[in-house]
Full PDB file with SEQRES, HELIX, SHEET, SSBOND, CRYST1, ORIGX, SCALE, CONECT and MASTER records, all heavy atoms in Angstrom:
SEQRES   1 A   47  PHE SER GLY ALA THR ARG GLY PHE CYS ILE GLY HIS VAL          
SEQRES   2 A   47  GLY PRO GLU ALA ALA VAL GLY GLY PRO ILE ALA LEU LEU          
SEQRES   3 A   47  GLN ASP GLY ASP ILE ILE GLU ILE ASP ALA GLU ALA GLY          
SEQRES   4 A   47  THR ILE SER VAL GLU LEU ASP ASP                              
HELIX    1 AA1 ALA A   17  VAL A   19  5                                   3    
HELIX    2 AA2 PRO A   22  LEU A   25  5                                   4    
SHEET    1 AA1 2 ILE A  32  ASP A  35  0                                        
SHEET    2 AA1 2 THR A  40  VAL A  43 -1                                        
CRYST1    1.000    1.000    1.000  90.00  90.00  90.00 P 1           1          
ORIGX1      1.000000  0.000000  0.000000        0.00000                         
ORIGX2      0.000000  1.000000  0.000000        0.00000                         
ORIGX3      0.000000  0.000000  1.000000        0.00000                         
SCALE1      1.000000  0.000000  0.000000        0.00000                         
SCALE2      0.000000  1.000000  0.000000        0.00000                         
SCALE3      0.000000  0.000000  1.000000        0.00000                         
ATOM      1  N   PHE A   1      11.444  17.106  10.887  1.00  0.00           N  
ATOM      2  CA  PHE A   1      10.938  16.276   9.788  1.00  0.00           C  
ATOM      3  C   PHE A   1      11.795  16.471   8.602  1.00  0.00           C  
ATOM      4  O   PHE A   1      12.338  17.527   8.374  1.00  0.00           O  
ATOM      5  CB  PHE A   1       9.511  16.647   9.511  1.00  0.00           C  
ATOM      6  CG  PHE A   1       8.550  16.200  10.557  1.00  0.00           C  
ATOM      7  CD1 PHE A   1       7.903  17.126  11.328  1.00  0.00           C  
ATOM      8  CD2 PHE A   1       8.331  14.850  10.852  1.00  0.00           C  
ATOM      9  CE1 PHE A   1       7.043  16.737  12.395  1.00  0.00           C  
ATOM     10  CE2 PHE A   1       7.484  14.443  11.850  1.00  0.00           C  
ATOM     11  CZ  PHE A   1       6.822  15.427  12.547  1.00  0.00           C  
ATOM     12  N   SER A   2      11.987  15.411   7.843  1.00  0.00           N  
ATOM     13  CA  SER A   2      12.652  15.506   6.565  1.00  0.00           C  
ATOM     14  C   SER A   2      11.938  16.490   5.659  1.00  0.00           C  
ATOM     15  O   SER A   2      10.688  16.619   5.725  1.00  0.00           O  
ATOM     16  CB  SER A   2      12.665  14.118   5.903  1.00  0.00           C  
ATOM     17  OG  SER A   2      13.061  14.170   4.571  1.00  0.00           O  
ATOM     18  N   GLY A   3      12.700  17.043   4.743  1.00  0.00           N  
ATOM     19  CA  GLY A   3      12.050  17.894   3.667  1.00  0.00           C  
ATOM     20  C   GLY A   3      11.112  17.063   2.846  1.00  0.00           C  
ATOM     21  O   GLY A   3      10.254  17.591   2.173  1.00  0.00           O  
ATOM     22  N   ALA A   4      11.230  15.741   2.852  1.00  0.00           N  
ATOM     23  CA  ALA A   4      10.351  14.849   2.088  1.00  0.00           C  
ATOM     24  C   ALA A   4       9.025  14.555   2.795  1.00  0.00           C  
ATOM     25  O   ALA A   4       8.153  13.953   2.253  1.00  0.00           O  
ATOM     26  CB  ALA A   4      11.095  13.538   1.783  1.00  0.00           C  
ATOM     27  N   THR A   5       8.937  14.934   4.043  1.00  0.00           N  
ATOM     28  CA  THR A   5       7.696  14.642   4.800  1.00  0.00           C  
ATOM     29  C   THR A   5       6.525  15.461   4.232  1.00  0.00           C  
ATOM     30  O   THR A   5       6.615  16.595   3.845  1.00  0.00           O  
ATOM     31  CB  THR A   5       7.930  15.068   6.268  1.00  0.00           C  
ATOM     32  OG1 THR A   5       8.923  14.171   6.885  1.00  0.00           O  
ATOM     33  CG2 THR A   5       6.655  14.930   7.082  1.00  0.00           C  
ATOM     34  N   ARG A   6       5.414  14.816   4.229  1.00  0.00           N  
ATOM     35  CA  ARG A   6       4.172  15.534   3.950  1.00  0.00           C  
ATOM     36  C   ARG A   6       3.051  15.017   4.878  1.00  0.00           C  
ATOM     37  O   ARG A   6       3.193  14.033   5.537  1.00  0.00           O  
ATOM     38  CB  ARG A   6       3.773  15.262   2.516  1.00  0.00           C  
ATOM     39  CG  ARG A   6       3.641  13.731   2.075  1.00  0.00           C  
ATOM     40  CD  ARG A   6       3.227  13.658   0.626  1.00  0.00           C  
ATOM     41  NE  ARG A   6       3.208  12.228   0.175  1.00  0.00           N  
ATOM     42  CZ  ARG A   6       2.472  11.840  -0.833  1.00  0.00           C  
ATOM     43  NH1 ARG A   6       1.673  12.649  -1.432  1.00  0.00           N  
ATOM     44  NH2 ARG A   6       2.562  10.554  -1.187  1.00  0.00           N  
ATOM     45  N   GLY A   7       2.022  15.814   4.988  1.00  0.00           N  
ATOM     46  CA  GLY A   7       0.936  15.501   5.961  1.00  0.00           C  
ATOM     47  C   GLY A   7       0.979  16.497   7.150  1.00  0.00           C  
ATOM     48  O   GLY A   7       1.905  17.409   7.151  1.00  0.00           O  
ATOM     49  N   PHE A   8       0.127  16.335   8.103  1.00  0.00           N  
ATOM     50  CA  PHE A   8       0.042  17.262   9.203  1.00  0.00           C  
ATOM     51  C   PHE A   8       1.130  16.900  10.256  1.00  0.00           C  
ATOM     52  O   PHE A   8       0.806  16.226  11.251  1.00  0.00           O  
ATOM     53  CB  PHE A   8      -1.367  17.208   9.845  1.00  0.00           C  
ATOM     54  CG  PHE A   8      -1.868  18.557  10.080  1.00  0.00           C  
ATOM     55  CD1 PHE A   8      -3.177  18.933   9.769  1.00  0.00           C  
ATOM     56  CD2 PHE A   8      -1.067  19.539  10.732  1.00  0.00           C  
ATOM     57  CE1 PHE A   8      -3.675  20.155  10.020  1.00  0.00           C  
ATOM     58  CE2 PHE A   8      -1.560  20.816  10.935  1.00  0.00           C  
ATOM     59  CZ  PHE A   8      -2.883  21.151  10.587  1.00  0.00           C  
ATOM     60  N   CYS A   9       2.371  17.305   9.927  1.00  0.00           N  
ATOM     61  CA  CYS A   9       3.521  16.935  10.832  1.00  0.00           C  
ATOM     62  C   CYS A   9       4.178  18.224  11.274  1.00  0.00           C  
ATOM     63  O   CYS A   9       4.713  18.978  10.436  1.00  0.00           O  
ATOM     64  CB  CYS A   9       4.462  16.077   9.978  1.00  0.00           C  
ATOM     65  SG  CYS A   9       3.738  14.545   9.372  1.00  0.00           S  
ATOM     66  N   ILE A  10       4.157  18.420  12.609  1.00  0.00           N  
ATOM     67  CA  ILE A  10       4.654  19.624  13.220  1.00  0.00           C  
ATOM     68  C   ILE A  10       5.943  19.342  13.885  1.00  0.00           C  
ATOM     69  O   ILE A  10       6.002  18.464  14.849  1.00  0.00           O  
ATOM     70  CB  ILE A  10       3.631  20.251  14.189  1.00  0.00           C  
ATOM     71  CG1 ILE A  10       2.374  20.711  13.464  1.00  0.00           C  
ATOM     72  CG2 ILE A  10       4.262  21.362  15.005  1.00  0.00           C  
ATOM     73  CD1 ILE A  10       1.335  19.711  13.268  1.00  0.00           C  
ATOM     74  N   GLY A  11       7.046  20.039  13.546  1.00  0.00           N  
ATOM     75  CA  GLY A  11       8.303  19.822  14.176  1.00  0.00           C  
ATOM     76  C   GLY A  11       8.846  21.023  14.889  1.00  0.00           C  
ATOM     77  O   GLY A  11       8.219  22.132  14.862  1.00  0.00           O  
ATOM     78  N   HIS A  12      10.026  20.878  15.495  1.00  0.00           N  
ATOM     79  CA  HIS A  12      10.731  21.963  16.145  1.00  0.00           C  
ATOM     80  C   HIS A  12       9.922  22.502  17.373  1.00  0.00           C  
ATOM     81  O   HIS A  12      10.157  23.667  17.734  1.00  0.00           O  
ATOM     82  CB  HIS A  12      10.952  23.101  15.216  1.00  0.00           C  
ATOM     83  CG  HIS A  12      11.791  22.779  13.942  1.00  0.00           C  
ATOM     84  ND1 HIS A  12      12.504  23.721  13.263  1.00  0.00           N  
ATOM     85  CD2 HIS A  12      11.990  21.629  13.331  1.00  0.00           C  
ATOM     86  CE1 HIS A  12      13.100  23.119  12.191  1.00  0.00           C  
ATOM     87  NE2 HIS A  12      12.768  21.861  12.240  1.00  0.00           N  
ATOM     88  N   VAL A  13       9.112  21.691  17.910  1.00  0.00           N  
ATOM     89  CA  VAL A  13       8.258  22.183  19.067  1.00  0.00           C  
ATOM     90  C   VAL A  13       9.219  22.578  20.231  1.00  0.00           C  
ATOM     91  O   VAL A  13      10.029  21.835  20.665  1.00  0.00           O  
ATOM     92  CB  VAL A  13       7.228  21.107  19.511  1.00  0.00           C  
ATOM     93  CG1 VAL A  13       6.590  21.551  20.804  1.00  0.00           C  
ATOM     94  CG2 VAL A  13       6.223  20.845  18.432  1.00  0.00           C  
ATOM     95  N   GLY A  14       9.099  23.821  20.633  1.00  0.00           N  
ATOM     96  CA  GLY A  14       9.965  24.311  21.715  1.00  0.00           C  
ATOM     97  C   GLY A  14       9.239  25.096  22.816  1.00  0.00           C  
ATOM     98  O   GLY A  14       8.145  25.675  22.553  1.00  0.00           O  
ATOM     99  N   PRO A  15       9.778  25.074  23.971  1.00  0.00           N  
ATOM    100  CA  PRO A  15      10.996  24.357  24.391  1.00  0.00           C  
ATOM    101  C   PRO A  15      10.851  22.900  24.293  1.00  0.00           C  
ATOM    102  O   PRO A  15       9.785  22.337  24.421  1.00  0.00           O  
ATOM    103  CB  PRO A  15      11.200  24.824  25.886  1.00  0.00           C  
ATOM    104  CG  PRO A  15      10.374  26.070  26.020  1.00  0.00           C  
ATOM    105  CD  PRO A  15       9.250  25.870  25.074  1.00  0.00           C  
ATOM    106  N   GLU A  16      11.957  22.179  24.093  1.00  0.00           N  
ATOM    107  CA  GLU A  16      11.917  20.732  23.919  1.00  0.00           C  
ATOM    108  C   GLU A  16      11.681  20.066  25.304  1.00  0.00           C  
ATOM    109  O   GLU A  16      11.841  20.644  26.321  1.00  0.00           O  
ATOM    110  CB  GLU A  16      13.232  20.240  23.324  1.00  0.00           C  
ATOM    111  CG  GLU A  16      14.487  20.512  24.104  1.00  0.00           C  
ATOM    112  CD  GLU A  16      15.750  19.865  23.534  1.00  0.00           C  
ATOM    113  OE1 GLU A  16      15.769  18.622  23.493  1.00  0.00           O  
ATOM    114  OE2 GLU A  16      16.627  20.599  23.109  1.00  0.00           O  
ATOM    115  N   ALA A  17      11.340  18.787  25.143  1.00  0.00           N  
ATOM    116  CA  ALA A  17      11.007  18.025  26.306  1.00  0.00           C  
ATOM    117  C   ALA A  17      12.122  17.900  27.292  1.00  0.00           C  
ATOM    118  O   ALA A  17      11.953  17.932  28.530  1.00  0.00           O  
ATOM    119  CB  ALA A  17      10.488  16.612  25.941  1.00  0.00           C  
ATOM    120  N   ALA A  18      13.366  17.824  26.803  1.00  0.00           N  
ATOM    121  CA  ALA A  18      14.566  17.611  27.698  1.00  0.00           C  
ATOM    122  C   ALA A  18      14.774  18.728  28.657  1.00  0.00           C  
ATOM    123  O   ALA A  18      15.477  18.532  29.683  1.00  0.00           O  
ATOM    124  CB  ALA A  18      15.769  17.373  26.824  1.00  0.00           C  
ATOM    125  N   VAL A  19      14.278  19.959  28.357  1.00  0.00           N  
ATOM    126  CA  VAL A  19      14.431  21.066  29.266  1.00  0.00           C  
ATOM    127  C   VAL A  19      13.138  21.368  29.969  1.00  0.00           C  
ATOM    128  O   VAL A  19      13.002  22.489  30.574  1.00  0.00           O  
ATOM    129  CB  VAL A  19      14.992  22.289  28.527  1.00  0.00           C  
ATOM    130  CG1 VAL A  19      16.360  21.996  27.967  1.00  0.00           C  
ATOM    131  CG2 VAL A  19      14.026  22.771  27.428  1.00  0.00           C  
ATOM    132  N   GLY A  20      12.170  20.513  29.931  1.00  0.00           N  
ATOM    133  CA  GLY A  20      10.877  20.675  30.585  1.00  0.00           C  
ATOM    134  C   GLY A  20       9.839  21.450  29.827  1.00  0.00           C  
ATOM    135  O   GLY A  20       8.941  22.022  30.477  1.00  0.00           O  
ATOM    136  N   GLY A  21       9.905  21.533  28.483  1.00  0.00           N  
ATOM    137  CA  GLY A  21       8.938  22.224  27.730  1.00  0.00           C  
ATOM    138  C   GLY A  21       7.544  21.521  27.835  1.00  0.00           C  
ATOM    139  O   GLY A  21       7.464  20.381  28.260  1.00  0.00           O  
ATOM    140  N   PRO A  22       6.486  22.242  27.480  1.00  0.00           N  
ATOM    141  CA  PRO A  22       5.190  21.662  27.640  1.00  0.00           C  
ATOM    142  C   PRO A  22       4.985  20.359  26.942  1.00  0.00           C  
ATOM    143  O   PRO A  22       4.183  19.537  27.441  1.00  0.00           O  
ATOM    144  CB  PRO A  22       4.253  22.734  26.992  1.00  0.00           C  
ATOM    145  CG  PRO A  22       5.018  24.036  27.218  1.00  0.00           C  
ATOM    146  CD  PRO A  22       6.485  23.691  27.031  1.00  0.00           C  
ATOM    147  N   ILE A  23       5.666  20.047  25.899  1.00  0.00           N  
ATOM    148  CA  ILE A  23       5.546  18.798  25.230  1.00  0.00           C  
ATOM    149  C   ILE A  23       5.856  17.607  26.189  1.00  0.00           C  
ATOM    150  O   ILE A  23       5.315  16.500  26.062  1.00  0.00           O  
ATOM    151  CB  ILE A  23       6.359  18.739  23.886  1.00  0.00           C  
ATOM    152  CG1 ILE A  23       5.951  17.498  23.076  1.00  0.00           C  
ATOM    153  CG2 ILE A  23       7.835  18.739  24.236  1.00  0.00           C  
ATOM    154  CD1 ILE A  23       6.564  17.529  21.678  1.00  0.00           C  
ATOM    155  N   ALA A  24       6.781  17.865  27.140  1.00  0.00           N  
ATOM    156  CA  ALA A  24       7.171  16.806  28.135  1.00  0.00           C  
ATOM    157  C   ALA A  24       6.062  16.552  29.103  1.00  0.00           C  
ATOM    158  O   ALA A  24       6.020  15.514  29.700  1.00  0.00           O  
ATOM    159  CB  ALA A  24       8.410  17.255  28.880  1.00  0.00           C  
ATOM    160  N   LEU A  25       5.066  17.429  29.204  1.00  0.00           N  
ATOM    161  CA  LEU A  25       4.017  17.347  30.221  1.00  0.00           C  
ATOM    162  C   LEU A  25       2.781  16.698  29.654  1.00  0.00           C  
ATOM    163  O   LEU A  25       1.854  16.434  30.458  1.00  0.00           O  
ATOM    164  CB  LEU A  25       3.650  18.732  30.734  1.00  0.00           C  
ATOM    165  CG  LEU A  25       4.858  19.609  31.174  1.00  0.00           C  
ATOM    166  CD1 LEU A  25       4.348  20.979  31.696  1.00  0.00           C  
ATOM    167  CD2 LEU A  25       5.660  18.903  32.241  1.00  0.00           C  
ATOM    168  N   LEU A  26       2.737  16.429  28.421  1.00  0.00           N  
ATOM    169  CA  LEU A  26       1.516  15.783  27.811  1.00  0.00           C  
ATOM    170  C   LEU A  26       1.335  14.375  28.323  1.00  0.00           C  
ATOM    171  O   LEU A  26       2.234  13.639  28.560  1.00  0.00           O  
ATOM    172  CB  LEU A  26       1.647  15.796  26.286  1.00  0.00           C  
ATOM    173  CG  LEU A  26       1.690  17.110  25.550  1.00  0.00           C  
ATOM    174  CD1 LEU A  26       1.905  16.926  24.049  1.00  0.00           C  
ATOM    175  CD2 LEU A  26       0.361  17.908  25.788  1.00  0.00           C  
ATOM    176  N   GLN A  27      -0.012  13.945  28.353  1.00  0.00           N  
ATOM    177  CA  GLN A  27      -0.378  12.657  28.702  1.00  0.00           C  
ATOM    178  C   GLN A  27      -1.300  12.079  27.638  1.00  0.00           C  
ATOM    179  O   GLN A  27      -1.975  12.857  26.911  1.00  0.00           O  
ATOM    180  CB  GLN A  27      -1.055  12.616  30.100  1.00  0.00           C  
ATOM    181  CG  GLN A  27      -0.182  13.046  31.204  1.00  0.00           C  
ATOM    182  CD  GLN A  27      -0.926  13.090  32.599  1.00  0.00           C  
ATOM    183  OE1 GLN A  27      -2.122  12.820  32.623  1.00  0.00           O  
ATOM    184  NE2 GLN A  27      -0.205  13.556  33.582  1.00  0.00           N  
ATOM    185  N   ASP A  28      -1.361  10.794  27.443  1.00  0.00           N  
ATOM    186  CA  ASP A  28      -2.296  10.189  26.522  1.00  0.00           C  
ATOM    187  C   ASP A  28      -3.665  10.744  26.845  1.00  0.00           C  
ATOM    188  O   ASP A  28      -4.138  10.740  27.929  1.00  0.00           O  
ATOM    189  CB  ASP A  28      -2.261   8.669  26.648  1.00  0.00           C  
ATOM    190  CG  ASP A  28      -1.047   8.017  26.030  1.00  0.00           C  
ATOM    191  OD1 ASP A  28      -0.242   8.755  25.383  1.00  0.00           O  
ATOM    192  OD2 ASP A  28      -0.821   6.800  26.211  1.00  0.00           O  
ATOM    193  N   GLY A  29      -4.359  11.080  25.740  1.00  0.00           N  
ATOM    194  CA  GLY A  29      -5.789  11.555  25.844  1.00  0.00           C  
ATOM    195  C   GLY A  29      -5.888  13.076  25.902  1.00  0.00           C  
ATOM    196  O   GLY A  29      -6.985  13.559  25.684  1.00  0.00           O  
ATOM    197  N   ASP A  30      -4.844  13.824  26.270  1.00  0.00           N  
ATOM    198  CA  ASP A  30      -4.941  15.257  26.218  1.00  0.00           C  
ATOM    199  C   ASP A  30      -5.356  15.694  24.805  1.00  0.00           C  
ATOM    200  O   ASP A  30      -4.779  15.213  23.813  1.00  0.00           O  
ATOM    201  CB  ASP A  30      -3.567  15.901  26.571  1.00  0.00           C  
ATOM    202  CG  ASP A  30      -3.205  15.736  28.032  1.00  0.00           C  
ATOM    203  OD1 ASP A  30      -4.084  15.487  28.852  1.00  0.00           O  
ATOM    204  OD2 ASP A  30      -2.006  15.907  28.337  1.00  0.00           O  
ATOM    205  N   ILE A  31      -6.194  16.677  24.787  1.00  0.00           N  
ATOM    206  CA  ILE A  31      -6.711  17.110  23.429  1.00  0.00           C  
ATOM    207  C   ILE A  31      -5.806  18.283  22.913  1.00  0.00           C  
ATOM    208  O   ILE A  31      -5.612  19.301  23.554  1.00  0.00           O  
ATOM    209  CB  ILE A  31      -8.173  17.627  23.583  1.00  0.00           C  
ATOM    210  CG1 ILE A  31      -9.068  16.530  24.041  1.00  0.00           C  
ATOM    211  CG2 ILE A  31      -8.669  18.137  22.156  1.00  0.00           C  
ATOM    212  CD1 ILE A  31      -9.062  15.244  23.203  1.00  0.00           C  
ATOM    213  N   ILE A  32      -5.240  17.997  21.726  1.00  0.00           N  
ATOM    214  CA  ILE A  32      -4.350  18.980  21.071  1.00  0.00           C  
ATOM    215  C   ILE A  32      -5.093  19.550  19.879  1.00  0.00           C  
ATOM    216  O   ILE A  32      -5.728  18.790  19.072  1.00  0.00           O  
ATOM    217  CB  ILE A  32      -3.052  18.260  20.655  1.00  0.00           C  
ATOM    218  CG1 ILE A  32      -2.270  17.793  21.838  1.00  0.00           C  
ATOM    219  CG2 ILE A  32      -2.200  19.171  19.767  1.00  0.00           C  
ATOM    220  CD1 ILE A  32      -1.085  16.901  21.565  1.00  0.00           C  
ATOM    221  N   GLU A  33      -4.993  20.830  19.705  1.00  0.00           N  
ATOM    222  CA  GLU A  33      -5.573  21.539  18.516  1.00  0.00           C  
ATOM    223  C   GLU A  33      -4.521  22.307  17.784  1.00  0.00           C  
ATOM    224  O   GLU A  33      -3.713  23.036  18.344  1.00  0.00           O  
ATOM    225  CB  GLU A  33      -6.642  22.494  19.008  1.00  0.00           C  
ATOM    226  CG  GLU A  33      -7.369  23.115  17.879  1.00  0.00           C  
ATOM    227  CD  GLU A  33      -8.625  23.834  18.325  1.00  0.00           C  
ATOM    228  OE1 GLU A  33      -8.915  23.996  19.558  1.00  0.00           O  
ATOM    229  OE2 GLU A  33      -9.448  24.348  17.490  1.00  0.00           O  
ATOM    230  N   ILE A  34      -4.530  22.043  16.468  1.00  0.00           N  
ATOM    231  CA  ILE A  34      -3.572  22.684  15.546  1.00  0.00           C  
ATOM    232  C   ILE A  34      -4.337  23.455  14.499  1.00  0.00           C  
ATOM    233  O   ILE A  34      -5.301  22.887  13.879  1.00  0.00           O  
ATOM    234  CB  ILE A  34      -2.677  21.609  14.836  1.00  0.00           C  
ATOM    235  CG1 ILE A  34      -1.998  20.684  15.871  1.00  0.00           C  
ATOM    236  CG2 ILE A  34      -1.595  22.270  13.968  1.00  0.00           C  
ATOM    237  CD1 ILE A  34      -1.643  19.300  15.336  1.00  0.00           C  
ATOM    238  N   ASP A  35      -3.952  24.688  14.296  1.00  0.00           N  
ATOM    239  CA  ASP A  35      -4.612  25.537  13.300  1.00  0.00           C  
ATOM    240  C   ASP A  35      -3.504  26.235  12.498  1.00  0.00           C  
ATOM    241  O   ASP A  35      -2.978  27.232  12.943  1.00  0.00           O  
ATOM    242  CB  ASP A  35      -5.514  26.536  13.939  1.00  0.00           C  
ATOM    243  CG  ASP A  35      -6.387  27.275  12.948  1.00  0.00           C  
ATOM    244  OD1 ASP A  35      -5.923  27.429  11.775  1.00  0.00           O  
ATOM    245  OD2 ASP A  35      -7.485  27.786  13.289  1.00  0.00           O  
ATOM    246  N   ALA A  36      -3.191  25.684  11.268  1.00  0.00           N  
ATOM    247  CA  ALA A  36      -2.111  26.255  10.484  1.00  0.00           C  
ATOM    248  C   ALA A  36      -2.532  27.505   9.764  1.00  0.00           C  
ATOM    249  O   ALA A  36      -1.713  28.302   9.325  1.00  0.00           O  
ATOM    250  CB  ALA A  36      -1.664  25.221   9.471  1.00  0.00           C  
ATOM    251  N   GLU A  37      -3.809  27.822   9.753  1.00  0.00           N  
ATOM    252  CA  GLU A  37      -4.273  29.090   9.230  1.00  0.00           C  
ATOM    253  C   GLU A  37      -4.080  30.247  10.192  1.00  0.00           C  
ATOM    254  O   GLU A  37      -3.536  31.254   9.872  1.00  0.00           O  
ATOM    255  CB  GLU A  37      -5.785  29.028   8.836  1.00  0.00           C  
ATOM    256  CG  GLU A  37      -6.019  28.150   7.581  1.00  0.00           C  
ATOM    257  CD  GLU A  37      -7.444  28.140   7.158  1.00  0.00           C  
ATOM    258  OE1 GLU A  37      -8.335  28.734   7.871  1.00  0.00           O  
ATOM    259  OE2 GLU A  37      -7.761  27.554   6.050  1.00  0.00           O  
ATOM    260  N   ALA A  38      -4.463  29.954  11.492  1.00  0.00           N  
ATOM    261  CA  ALA A  38      -4.240  30.919  12.540  1.00  0.00           C  
ATOM    262  C   ALA A  38      -2.876  30.937  13.081  1.00  0.00           C  
ATOM    263  O   ALA A  38      -2.411  31.865  13.749  1.00  0.00           O  
ATOM    264  CB  ALA A  38      -5.259  30.653  13.720  1.00  0.00           C  
ATOM    265  N   GLY A  39      -2.049  29.844  12.773  1.00  0.00           N  
ATOM    266  CA  GLY A  39      -0.693  29.751  13.279  1.00  0.00           C  
ATOM    267  C   GLY A  39      -0.605  29.404  14.718  1.00  0.00           C  
ATOM    268  O   GLY A  39       0.278  29.897  15.441  1.00  0.00           O  
ATOM    269  N   THR A  40      -1.500  28.482  15.187  1.00  0.00           N  
ATOM    270  CA  THR A  40      -1.536  28.178  16.604  1.00  0.00           C  
ATOM    271  C   THR A  40      -1.378  26.626  16.808  1.00  0.00           C  
ATOM    272  O   THR A  40      -1.820  25.813  16.007  1.00  0.00           O  
ATOM    273  CB  THR A  40      -2.815  28.630  17.268  1.00  0.00           C  
ATOM    274  OG1 THR A  40      -3.983  28.008  16.582  1.00  0.00           O  
ATOM    275  CG2 THR A  40      -2.958  30.137  17.174  1.00  0.00           C  
ATOM    276  N   ILE A  41      -0.925  26.256  17.990  1.00  0.00           N  
ATOM    277  CA  ILE A  41      -0.814  24.851  18.458  1.00  0.00           C  
ATOM    278  C   ILE A  41      -0.952  24.848  19.937  1.00  0.00           C  
ATOM    279  O   ILE A  41      -0.186  25.552  20.699  1.00  0.00           O  
ATOM    280  CB  ILE A  41       0.479  24.212  17.990  1.00  0.00           C  
ATOM    281  CG1 ILE A  41       0.498  22.756  18.514  1.00  0.00           C  
ATOM    282  CG2 ILE A  41       1.726  24.961  18.424  1.00  0.00           C  
ATOM    283  CD1 ILE A  41       1.638  21.890  17.906  1.00  0.00           C  
ATOM    284  N   SER A  42      -1.990  24.204  20.465  1.00  0.00           N  
ATOM    285  CA  SER A  42      -2.257  24.323  21.842  1.00  0.00           C  
ATOM    286  C   SER A  42      -2.798  22.944  22.407  1.00  0.00           C  
ATOM    287  O   SER A  42      -3.299  22.099  21.620  1.00  0.00           O  
ATOM    288  CB  SER A  42      -3.329  25.419  22.140  1.00  0.00           C  
ATOM    289  OG  SER A  42      -4.545  25.175  21.376  1.00  0.00           O  
ATOM    290  N   VAL A  43      -2.734  22.837  23.682  1.00  0.00           N  
ATOM    291  CA  VAL A  43      -3.316  21.683  24.381  1.00  0.00           C  
ATOM    292  C   VAL A  43      -4.425  22.185  25.343  1.00  0.00           C  
ATOM    293  O   VAL A  43      -4.238  23.272  25.936  1.00  0.00           O  
ATOM    294  CB  VAL A  43      -2.254  20.874  25.146  1.00  0.00           C  
ATOM    295  CG1 VAL A  43      -1.516  21.727  26.139  1.00  0.00           C  
ATOM    296  CG2 VAL A  43      -2.873  19.674  25.859  1.00  0.00           C  
ATOM    297  N   GLU A  44      -5.483  21.472  25.407  1.00  0.00           N  
ATOM    298  CA  GLU A  44      -6.628  21.902  26.292  1.00  0.00           C  
ATOM    299  C   GLU A  44      -6.363  21.686  27.769  1.00  0.00           C  
ATOM    300  O   GLU A  44      -6.957  20.841  28.380  1.00  0.00           O  
ATOM    301  CB  GLU A  44      -7.938  21.226  25.792  1.00  0.00           C  
ATOM    302  CG  GLU A  44      -8.386  21.732  24.424  1.00  0.00           C  
ATOM    303  CD  GLU A  44      -9.733  21.109  24.044  1.00  0.00           C  
ATOM    304  OE1 GLU A  44     -10.297  20.284  24.745  1.00  0.00           O  
ATOM    305  OE2 GLU A  44     -10.266  21.502  22.975  1.00  0.00           O  
ATOM    306  N   LEU A  45      -5.375  22.346  28.244  1.00  0.00           N  
ATOM    307  CA  LEU A  45      -4.987  22.322  29.622  1.00  0.00           C  
ATOM    308  C   LEU A  45      -4.810  23.769  30.144  1.00  0.00           C  
ATOM    309  O   LEU A  45      -4.177  24.556  29.402  1.00  0.00           O  
ATOM    310  CB  LEU A  45      -3.719  21.517  29.875  1.00  0.00           C  
ATOM    311  CG  LEU A  45      -3.797  20.044  29.531  1.00  0.00           C  
ATOM    312  CD1 LEU A  45      -2.369  19.417  29.629  1.00  0.00           C  
ATOM    313  CD2 LEU A  45      -4.731  19.249  30.378  1.00  0.00           C  
ATOM    314  N   ASP A  46      -5.253  24.123  31.284  1.00  0.00           N  
ATOM    315  CA  ASP A  46      -5.061  25.443  31.759  1.00  0.00           C  
ATOM    316  C   ASP A  46      -3.702  25.523  32.476  1.00  0.00           C  
ATOM    317  O   ASP A  46      -3.010  24.554  32.697  1.00  0.00           O  
ATOM    318  CB  ASP A  46      -6.200  25.908  32.699  1.00  0.00           C  
ATOM    319  CG  ASP A  46      -6.330  25.005  33.978  1.00  0.00           C  
ATOM    320  OD1 ASP A  46      -5.320  24.347  34.348  1.00  0.00           O  
ATOM    321  OD2 ASP A  46      -7.434  24.968  34.516  1.00  0.00           O  
ATOM    322  N   ASP A  47      -3.294  26.755  32.777  1.00  0.00           N  
ATOM    323  CA  ASP A  47      -1.944  27.020  33.356  1.00  0.00           C  
ATOM    324  C   ASP A  47      -1.759  26.322  34.684  1.00  0.00           C  
ATOM    325  O   ASP A  47      -0.675  25.790  34.972  1.00  0.00           O  
ATOM    326  CB  ASP A  47      -1.777  28.513  33.554  1.00  0.00           C  
ATOM    327  CG  ASP A  47      -1.554  29.239  32.222  1.00  0.00           C  
ATOM    328  OD1 ASP A  47      -1.355  28.566  31.196  1.00  0.00           O  
ATOM    329  OD2 ASP A  47      -1.674  30.453  32.200  1.00  0.00           O  
TER     330      ASP A  47                                                      
MASTER        0    0    0    2    2    0    0    6  329    1    0    4          
END                                                                             
């Protein structure tokens, strides 16, 4: 994201999709939870 970006915008998610990171495995409707106080970002899918 640009330094000018504001709002709930999370970047640098790694590993990236091109190498098969979890972000590549997401499907529409998967529930994502972000907690910037706890420092967590997760998807409600088990291993």
